[in-house]
Amino acid sequence: MTAPDFTWPPVVTVYDLEQARQAATQAEALGVGLTLLSADSAADQVGVAWMATLGRTIRDEFPTLTLYIILDCGAAGGRAMAALRADVDAIVFTGGARSSLSLADQADDLGKGLLAERPAALDFLTLPADPNRASAALSDWLRGEGNKNSL
């Protein structure tokens, strides 16, 4: 997964389990993979375990779905180190170069991804208030060709 040519399945920023379920349900129905991305700097706000637990729950509920979990750690180096040991597939880390080099070695050893910036994502907070329009927008994103996110 850490190869430079790895492409993430469509990325969706989620803020709770229900949003993750909605994205997973639609991805599964469309036969596409899914990448769930936490809120910006979520590791500091809700902690590492929250996103890891969300990911395990969705994997348990959707066992045939190709699913990746990315936790945004912002510049929090300690949280980033903990996240690499947690049940997530990649982290976003925006801290200093020295910390990034250390984290890159650790990520590589653990088979995890390390991103210097957030990948392009559909953010649940930007979906229309109307449930039908929101569902259509999510489906469009999941089917879209503009989701070429790579490490």
N, C-alpha and C. Protein backbone atom coordinates (compact mmCIF):
# COMPACT_ATOMS: atom_id res chain seq x y z
N MET A 1 0.81 -1.20 0.00
CA MET A 1 0.00 0.00 0.00
C MET A 1 0.85 1.26 0.00
N THR A 2 2.07 1.19 0.37
CA THR A 2 2.89 2.39 0.43
C THR A 2 3.58 2.69 -0.90
N ALA A 3 3.31 1.86 -1.93
CA ALA A 3 3.90 2.12 -3.24
C ALA A 3 3.37 3.44 -3.79
N PRO A 4 4.24 4.20 -4.50
CA PRO A 4 3.82 5.50 -5.00
C PRO A 4 2.67 5.42 -6.01
N ASP A 5 2.45 4.28 -6.62
CA ASP A 5 1.38 4.18 -7.60
C ASP A 5 0.08 3.64 -7.02
N PHE A 6 0.01 3.50 -5.70
CA PHE A 6 -1.21 3.03 -5.07
C PHE A 6 -2.30 4.09 -5.21
N THR A 7 -3.48 3.68 -5.60
CA THR A 7 -4.62 4.59 -5.74
C THR A 7 -5.69 4.22 -4.72
N TRP A 8 -6.06 5.17 -3.91
CA TRP A 8 -7.12 4.95 -2.93
C TRP A 8 -8.45 4.82 -3.64
N PRO A 9 -9.32 3.94 -3.17
CA PRO A 9 -10.71 3.98 -3.65
C PRO A 9 -11.30 5.34 -3.25
N PRO A 10 -12.47 5.70 -3.77
CA PRO A 10 -13.07 7.00 -3.44
C PRO A 10 -13.00 7.29 -1.94
N VAL A 11 -12.58 8.51 -1.63
CA VAL A 11 -12.38 8.94 -0.25
C VAL A 11 -13.56 9.79 0.20
N VAL A 12 -14.09 9.45 1.39
CA VAL A 12 -15.21 10.20 1.97
C VAL A 12 -14.85 10.57 3.40
N THR A 13 -14.95 11.86 3.72
CA THR A 13 -14.71 12.32 5.07
C THR A 13 -15.99 12.11 5.89
N VAL A 14 -15.84 11.37 6.99
CA VAL A 14 -16.99 11.06 7.86
C VAL A 14 -16.72 11.56 9.28
N TYR A 15 -17.81 11.84 9.99
CA TYR A 15 -17.73 12.39 11.33
C TYR A 15 -18.40 11.50 12.37
N ASP A 16 -19.10 10.46 11.90
CA ASP A 16 -19.73 9.55 12.85
C ASP A 16 -19.99 8.20 12.17
N LEU A 17 -20.40 7.25 12.97
CA LEU A 17 -20.62 5.89 12.49
C LEU A 17 -21.74 5.83 11.46
N GLU A 18 -22.80 6.59 11.66
CA GLU A 18 -23.92 6.55 10.71
C GLU A 18 -23.49 7.02 9.32
N GLN A 19 -22.67 8.06 9.25
CA GLN A 19 -22.16 8.52 7.96
C GLN A 19 -21.28 7.44 7.31
N ALA A 20 -20.45 6.80 8.12
CA ALA A 20 -19.61 5.72 7.60
C ALA A 20 -20.46 4.58 7.06
N ARG A 21 -21.51 4.24 7.78
CA ARG A 21 -22.43 3.18 7.31
C ARG A 21 -23.10 3.58 5.99
N GLN A 22 -23.54 4.81 5.90
CA GLN A 22 -24.20 5.27 4.68
C GLN A 22 -23.24 5.18 3.50
N ALA A 23 -22.01 5.63 3.68
CA ALA A 23 -21.02 5.56 2.60
C ALA A 23 -20.72 4.11 2.23
N ALA A 24 -20.57 3.25 3.23
CA ALA A 24 -20.28 1.84 2.98
C ALA A 24 -21.43 1.14 2.28
N THR A 25 -22.65 1.46 2.68
CA THR A 25 -23.83 0.86 2.05
C THR A 25 -23.87 1.21 0.56
N GLN A 26 -23.64 2.48 0.25
CA GLN A 26 -23.68 2.90 -1.15
C GLN A 26 -22.51 2.33 -1.94
N ALA A 27 -21.32 2.32 -1.35
CA ALA A 27 -20.15 1.76 -2.04
C ALA A 27 -20.37 0.29 -2.35
N GLU A 28 -20.88 -0.45 -1.38
CA GLU A 28 -21.14 -1.87 -1.58
C GLU A 28 -22.19 -2.08 -2.68
N ALA A 29 -23.25 -1.29 -2.66
CA ALA A 29 -24.30 -1.42 -3.67
C ALA A 29 -23.78 -1.11 -5.07
N LEU A 30 -22.83 -0.19 -5.16
CA LEU A 30 -22.25 0.19 -6.45
C LEU A 30 -21.11 -0.75 -6.87
N GLY A 31 -20.65 -1.59 -5.94
CA GLY A 31 -19.55 -2.50 -6.26
C GLY A 31 -18.20 -1.81 -6.35
N VAL A 32 -18.02 -0.75 -5.57
CA VAL A 32 -16.75 -0.02 -5.55
C VAL A 32 -16.14 -0.08 -4.15
N GLY A 33 -14.84 0.14 -4.06
CA GLY A 33 -14.18 0.23 -2.78
C GLY A 33 -14.44 1.59 -2.15
N LEU A 34 -13.97 1.75 -0.92
CA LEU A 34 -14.23 2.97 -0.17
C LEU A 34 -13.06 3.26 0.76
N THR A 35 -12.72 4.53 0.86
CA THR A 35 -11.75 4.99 1.84
C THR A 35 -12.46 5.98 2.76
N LEU A 36 -12.45 5.68 4.06
CA LEU A 36 -13.03 6.59 5.04
C LEU A 36 -11.92 7.44 5.63
N LEU A 37 -12.10 8.74 5.60
CA LEU A 37 -11.13 9.70 6.11
C LEU A 37 -11.74 10.44 7.28
N SER A 38 -10.97 10.59 8.34
CA SER A 38 -11.44 11.33 9.51
C SER A 38 -11.47 12.82 9.23
N ALA A 39 -12.06 13.55 10.14
CA ALA A 39 -12.02 15.01 10.09
C ALA A 39 -10.58 15.50 10.19
N ASP A 40 -10.37 16.73 9.81
CA ASP A 40 -9.05 17.36 9.90
C ASP A 40 -8.55 17.33 11.34
N SER A 41 -7.35 16.81 11.55
CA SER A 41 -6.71 16.72 12.87
C SER A 41 -7.55 15.95 13.89
N ALA A 42 -8.30 14.98 13.43
CA ALA A 42 -9.20 14.23 14.32
C ALA A 42 -8.46 13.46 15.41
N ALA A 43 -7.23 13.05 15.17
CA ALA A 43 -6.50 12.30 16.19
C ALA A 43 -6.41 13.10 17.48
N ASP A 44 -6.24 14.40 17.37
CA ASP A 44 -6.18 15.26 18.54
C ASP A 44 -7.57 15.52 19.14
N GLN A 45 -8.59 15.55 18.30
CA GLN A 45 -9.92 15.90 18.76
C GLN A 45 -10.69 14.72 19.36
N VAL A 46 -10.65 13.58 18.68
CA VAL A 46 -11.43 12.42 19.14
C VAL A 46 -10.56 11.23 19.52
N GLY A 47 -9.28 11.31 19.22
CA GLY A 47 -8.36 10.25 19.59
C GLY A 47 -8.21 9.19 18.50
N VAL A 48 -7.14 8.45 18.63
CA VAL A 48 -6.79 7.41 17.66
C VAL A 48 -7.79 6.26 17.70
N ALA A 49 -8.18 5.84 18.88
CA ALA A 49 -9.04 4.66 19.03
C ALA A 49 -10.40 4.87 18.38
N TRP A 50 -10.90 6.09 18.34
CA TRP A 50 -12.21 6.34 17.76
C TRP A 50 -12.25 5.92 16.30
N MET A 51 -11.27 6.35 15.51
CA MET A 51 -11.28 6.03 14.08
C MET A 51 -10.97 4.55 13.85
N ALA A 52 -10.08 3.98 14.66
CA ALA A 52 -9.79 2.56 14.53
C ALA A 52 -11.03 1.72 14.83
N THR A 53 -11.78 2.10 15.84
CA THR A 53 -13.01 1.39 16.18
C THR A 53 -14.06 1.55 15.09
N LEU A 54 -14.20 2.75 14.56
CA LEU A 54 -15.13 2.98 13.47
C LEU A 54 -14.77 2.07 12.29
N GLY A 55 -13.50 2.00 11.95
CA GLY A 55 -13.06 1.15 10.85
C GLY A 55 -13.36 -0.32 11.09
N ARG A 56 -13.07 -0.81 12.29
CA ARG A 56 -13.36 -2.22 12.61
C ARG A 56 -14.85 -2.51 12.53
N THR A 57 -15.66 -1.59 13.01
CA THR A 57 -17.11 -1.77 12.97
C THR A 57 -17.60 -1.88 11.53
N ILE A 58 -17.15 -0.98 10.67
CA ILE A 58 -17.58 -1.01 9.26
C ILE A 58 -17.05 -2.27 8.58
N ARG A 59 -15.83 -2.66 8.87
CA ARG A 59 -15.30 -3.90 8.28
C ARG A 59 -16.12 -5.11 8.72
N ASP A 60 -16.53 -5.14 9.97
CA ASP A 60 -17.35 -6.25 10.46
C ASP A 60 -18.73 -6.26 9.79
N GLU A 61 -19.32 -5.09 9.60
CA GLU A 61 -20.65 -4.99 9.02
C GLU A 61 -20.67 -5.16 7.50
N PHE A 62 -19.55 -4.89 6.85
CA PHE A 62 -19.45 -4.97 5.39
C PHE A 62 -18.22 -5.79 5.01
N PRO A 63 -18.23 -7.09 5.31
CA PRO A 63 -17.02 -7.90 5.14
C PRO A 63 -16.53 -8.05 3.70
N THR A 64 -17.38 -7.82 2.71
CA THR A 64 -16.95 -7.97 1.32
C THR A 64 -16.50 -6.65 0.69
N LEU A 65 -16.66 -5.55 1.41
CA LEU A 65 -16.30 -4.23 0.91
C LEU A 65 -14.79 -4.01 1.03
N THR A 66 -14.18 -3.58 -0.06
CA THR A 66 -12.78 -3.15 0.01
C THR A 66 -12.77 -1.80 0.71
N LEU A 67 -12.15 -1.74 1.88
CA LEU A 67 -12.25 -0.57 2.74
C LEU A 67 -10.88 -0.19 3.29
N TYR A 68 -10.59 1.10 3.23
CA TYR A 68 -9.38 1.66 3.83
C TYR A 68 -9.79 2.75 4.80
N ILE A 69 -8.99 2.90 5.85
CA ILE A 69 -9.25 3.90 6.89
C ILE A 69 -8.03 4.82 6.99
N ILE A 70 -8.27 6.13 6.89
CA ILE A 70 -7.20 7.12 7.03
C ILE A 70 -7.55 8.05 8.19
N LEU A 71 -6.62 8.19 9.12
CA LEU A 71 -6.79 9.09 10.26
C LEU A 71 -5.90 10.31 10.09
N ASP A 72 -6.50 11.48 10.14
CA ASP A 72 -5.76 12.73 10.05
C ASP A 72 -5.21 13.07 11.42
N CYS A 73 -3.91 13.11 11.53
CA CYS A 73 -3.23 13.39 12.80
C CYS A 73 -2.74 14.83 12.89
N GLY A 74 -2.95 15.62 11.85
CA GLY A 74 -2.45 16.99 11.86
C GLY A 74 -0.95 16.98 12.11
N ALA A 75 -0.49 17.85 13.01
CA ALA A 75 0.93 17.94 13.33
C ALA A 75 1.28 17.21 14.62
N ALA A 76 0.35 16.42 15.15
CA ALA A 76 0.55 15.73 16.43
C ALA A 76 1.40 14.46 16.24
N GLY A 77 2.70 14.61 16.44
CA GLY A 77 3.62 13.49 16.22
C GLY A 77 3.36 12.29 17.10
N GLY A 78 3.06 12.50 18.37
CA GLY A 78 2.78 11.39 19.28
C GLY A 78 1.53 10.64 18.87
N ARG A 79 0.50 11.37 18.50
CA ARG A 79 -0.74 10.74 18.03
C ARG A 79 -0.48 9.98 16.73
N ALA A 80 0.35 10.55 15.87
CA ALA A 80 0.67 9.89 14.60
C ALA A 80 1.37 8.56 14.85
N MET A 81 2.31 8.54 15.78
CA MET A 81 2.99 7.28 16.10
C MET A 81 2.01 6.25 16.64
N ALA A 82 1.11 6.67 17.50
CA ALA A 82 0.11 5.76 18.05
C ALA A 82 -0.83 5.27 16.94
N ALA A 83 -1.19 6.17 16.03
CA ALA A 83 -2.10 5.81 14.94
C ALA A 83 -1.49 4.75 14.03
N LEU A 84 -0.20 4.83 13.80
CA LEU A 84 0.44 3.83 12.94
C LEU A 84 0.36 2.43 13.55
N ARG A 85 0.28 2.36 14.86
CA ARG A 85 0.17 1.07 15.53
C ARG A 85 -1.30 0.62 15.69
N ALA A 86 -2.21 1.51 15.36
CA ALA A 86 -3.64 1.21 15.51
C ALA A 86 -4.17 0.57 14.22
N ASP A 87 -5.43 0.24 14.26
CA ASP A 87 -6.08 -0.44 13.14
C ASP A 87 -6.58 0.58 12.11
N VAL A 88 -5.63 1.33 11.54
CA VAL A 88 -5.92 2.22 10.42
C VAL A 88 -4.92 1.88 9.32
N ASP A 89 -5.26 2.24 8.09
CA ASP A 89 -4.39 1.88 6.97
C ASP A 89 -3.38 2.96 6.64
N ALA A 90 -3.69 4.19 7.00
CA ALA A 90 -2.79 5.30 6.71
C ALA A 90 -3.11 6.46 7.63
N ILE A 91 -2.17 7.38 7.70
CA ILE A 91 -2.37 8.61 8.46
C ILE A 91 -1.99 9.80 7.59
N VAL A 92 -2.58 10.92 7.93
CA VAL A 92 -2.17 12.21 7.38
C VAL A 92 -1.37 12.87 8.49
N PHE A 93 -0.15 13.30 8.16
CA PHE A 93 0.70 13.99 9.14
C PHE A 93 1.27 15.23 8.49
N THR A 94 1.04 16.38 9.13
CA THR A 94 1.48 17.66 8.57
C THR A 94 2.55 18.33 9.43
N GLY A 95 3.19 17.55 10.30
CA GLY A 95 4.23 18.09 11.17
C GLY A 95 5.54 18.30 10.44
N GLY A 96 6.58 18.52 11.22
CA GLY A 96 7.90 18.84 10.69
C GLY A 96 8.56 17.71 9.92
N ALA A 97 9.60 18.09 9.16
CA ALA A 97 10.31 17.15 8.30
C ALA A 97 10.99 16.04 9.10
N ARG A 98 11.59 16.38 10.23
CA ARG A 98 12.29 15.37 11.03
C ARG A 98 11.30 14.30 11.53
N SER A 99 10.17 14.74 12.05
CA SER A 99 9.16 13.80 12.50
C SER A 99 8.61 12.98 11.35
N SER A 100 8.42 13.63 10.20
CA SER A 100 7.90 12.93 9.03
C SER A 100 8.82 11.81 8.59
N LEU A 101 10.13 12.05 8.65
CA LEU A 101 11.08 11.01 8.26
C LEU A 101 11.00 9.82 9.20
N SER A 102 10.92 10.08 10.48
CA SER A 102 10.80 9.01 11.47
C SER A 102 9.49 8.24 11.27
N LEU A 103 8.41 8.97 11.06
CA LEU A 103 7.11 8.33 10.84
C LEU A 103 7.10 7.54 9.54
N ALA A 104 7.78 8.05 8.52
CA ALA A 104 7.82 7.33 7.24
C ALA A 104 8.49 5.98 7.40
N ASP A 105 9.58 5.93 8.17
CA ASP A 105 10.25 4.64 8.43
C ASP A 105 9.32 3.69 9.17
N GLN A 106 8.65 4.20 10.19
CA GLN A 106 7.73 3.38 10.97
C GLN A 106 6.55 2.91 10.11
N ALA A 107 6.00 3.79 9.32
CA ALA A 107 4.88 3.43 8.44
C ALA A 107 5.30 2.34 7.46
N ASP A 108 6.48 2.51 6.91
CA ASP A 108 6.98 1.51 5.96
C ASP A 108 7.14 0.15 6.62
N ASP A 109 7.72 0.15 7.82
CA ASP A 109 7.90 -1.11 8.57
C ASP A 109 6.57 -1.80 8.87
N LEU A 110 5.54 -1.01 9.11
CA LEU A 110 4.23 -1.55 9.48
C LEU A 110 3.29 -1.76 8.29
N GLY A 111 3.75 -1.40 7.09
CA GLY A 111 2.90 -1.54 5.91
C GLY A 111 1.74 -0.56 5.88
N LYS A 112 1.96 0.60 6.46
CA LYS A 112 0.91 1.64 6.52
C LYS A 112 1.29 2.78 5.60
N GLY A 113 0.30 3.59 5.25
CA GLY A 113 0.54 4.75 4.42
C GLY A 113 0.76 6.00 5.26
N LEU A 114 1.59 6.90 4.76
CA LEU A 114 1.83 8.19 5.40
C LEU A 114 1.62 9.26 4.34
N LEU A 115 0.64 10.12 4.57
CA LEU A 115 0.32 11.17 3.61
C LEU A 115 0.69 12.52 4.21
N ALA A 116 1.28 13.38 3.38
CA ALA A 116 1.67 14.71 3.83
C ALA A 116 0.51 15.71 3.74
N GLU A 117 -0.55 15.32 3.06
CA GLU A 117 -1.74 16.17 2.97
C GLU A 117 -2.97 15.29 2.80
N ARG A 118 -4.10 15.87 3.08
CA ARG A 118 -5.36 15.13 2.96
C ARG A 118 -5.66 14.86 1.50
N PRO A 119 -6.09 13.65 1.19
CA PRO A 119 -6.48 13.37 -0.20
C PRO A 119 -7.80 14.06 -0.54
N ALA A 120 -8.04 14.24 -1.82
CA ALA A 120 -9.33 14.79 -2.26
C ALA A 120 -10.43 13.88 -1.74
N ALA A 121 -11.46 14.48 -1.16
CA ALA A 121 -12.52 13.68 -0.54
C ALA A 121 -13.84 14.40 -0.63
N LEU A 122 -14.90 13.60 -0.64
CA LEU A 122 -16.24 14.15 -0.47
C LEU A 122 -16.47 14.26 1.03
N ASP A 123 -16.79 15.45 1.49
CA ASP A 123 -16.99 15.69 2.91
C ASP A 123 -18.48 15.63 3.23
N PHE A 124 -18.86 14.78 4.18
CA PHE A 124 -20.27 14.65 4.53
C PHE A 124 -20.89 15.99 4.93
N LEU A 125 -20.10 16.90 5.46
CA LEU A 125 -20.64 18.20 5.87
C LEU A 125 -21.03 19.06 4.69
N THR A 126 -20.57 18.71 3.49
CA THR A 126 -20.89 19.51 2.31
C THR A 126 -22.04 18.93 1.49
N LEU A 127 -22.59 17.80 1.93
CA LEU A 127 -23.70 17.20 1.20
C LEU A 127 -24.97 18.03 1.38
N PRO A 128 -25.84 18.00 0.37
CA PRO A 128 -27.10 18.74 0.49
C PRO A 128 -27.92 18.24 1.67
N ALA A 129 -28.75 19.11 2.23
CA ALA A 129 -29.61 18.75 3.37
C ALA A 129 -30.68 17.75 2.96
N ASP A 130 -31.14 17.84 1.73
CA ASP A 130 -32.16 16.91 1.24
C ASP A 130 -31.57 15.50 1.13
N PRO A 131 -32.14 14.51 1.82
CA PRO A 131 -31.56 13.16 1.83
C PRO A 131 -31.42 12.54 0.43
N ASN A 132 -32.38 12.78 -0.46
CA ASN A 132 -32.29 12.22 -1.81
C ASN A 132 -31.15 12.84 -2.60
N ARG A 133 -31.00 14.15 -2.48
CA ARG A 133 -29.90 14.83 -3.18
C ARG A 133 -28.56 14.45 -2.57
N ALA A 134 -28.53 14.28 -1.25
CA ALA A 134 -27.28 13.87 -0.59
C ALA A 134 -26.87 12.47 -1.05
N SER A 135 -27.83 11.57 -1.11
CA SER A 135 -27.56 10.20 -1.55
C SER A 135 -27.07 10.19 -3.00
N ALA A 136 -27.68 10.99 -3.84
CA ALA A 136 -27.27 11.07 -5.25
C ALA A 136 -25.85 11.63 -5.36
N ALA A 137 -25.54 12.66 -4.58
CA ALA A 137 -24.19 13.25 -4.61
C ALA A 137 -23.15 12.24 -4.15
N LEU A 138 -23.47 11.49 -3.11
CA LEU A 138 -22.55 10.47 -2.61
C LEU A 138 -22.34 9.39 -3.67
N SER A 139 -23.41 8.92 -4.28
CA SER A 139 -23.30 7.91 -5.34
C SER A 139 -22.47 8.42 -6.51
N ASP A 140 -22.71 9.67 -6.91
CA ASP A 140 -21.93 10.26 -8.00
C ASP A 140 -20.45 10.27 -7.66
N TRP A 141 -20.14 10.65 -6.44
CA TRP A 141 -18.73 10.70 -6.01
C TRP A 141 -18.11 9.30 -6.03
N LEU A 142 -18.84 8.34 -5.49
CA LEU A 142 -18.31 6.98 -5.42
C LEU A 142 -18.10 6.36 -6.80
N ARG A 143 -18.90 6.75 -7.77
CA ARG A 143 -18.75 6.25 -9.13
C ARG A 143 -17.78 7.07 -9.96
N GLY A 144 -17.45 8.27 -9.47
CA GLY A 144 -16.72 9.25 -10.27
C GLY A 144 -15.31 8.85 -10.68
N GLU A 145 -14.86 9.50 -11.72
CA GLU A 145 -13.50 9.28 -12.22
C GLU A 145 -12.51 10.24 -11.58
N GLY A 146 -12.96 11.23 -10.86
CA GLY A 146 -12.07 12.22 -10.28
C GLY A 146 -11.48 11.81 -8.95
N ASN A 147 -11.51 10.54 -8.64
CA ASN A 147 -11.06 10.07 -7.33
C ASN A 147 -9.71 9.38 -7.42
N LYS A 148 -8.78 9.96 -8.09
CA LYS A 148 -7.45 9.35 -8.25
C LYS A 148 -6.53 9.83 -7.14
N ASN A 149 -6.68 9.25 -5.98
CA ASN A 149 -5.88 9.63 -4.81
C ASN A 149 -4.77 8.62 -4.64
N SER A 150 -3.54 9.10 -4.62
CA SER A 150 -2.43 8.16 -4.44
C SER A 150 -1.52 8.61 -3.31
N LEU A 151 -0.72 7.67 -2.83
CA LEU A 151 0.22 7.96 -1.75
C LEU A 151 1.38 8.73 -2.30
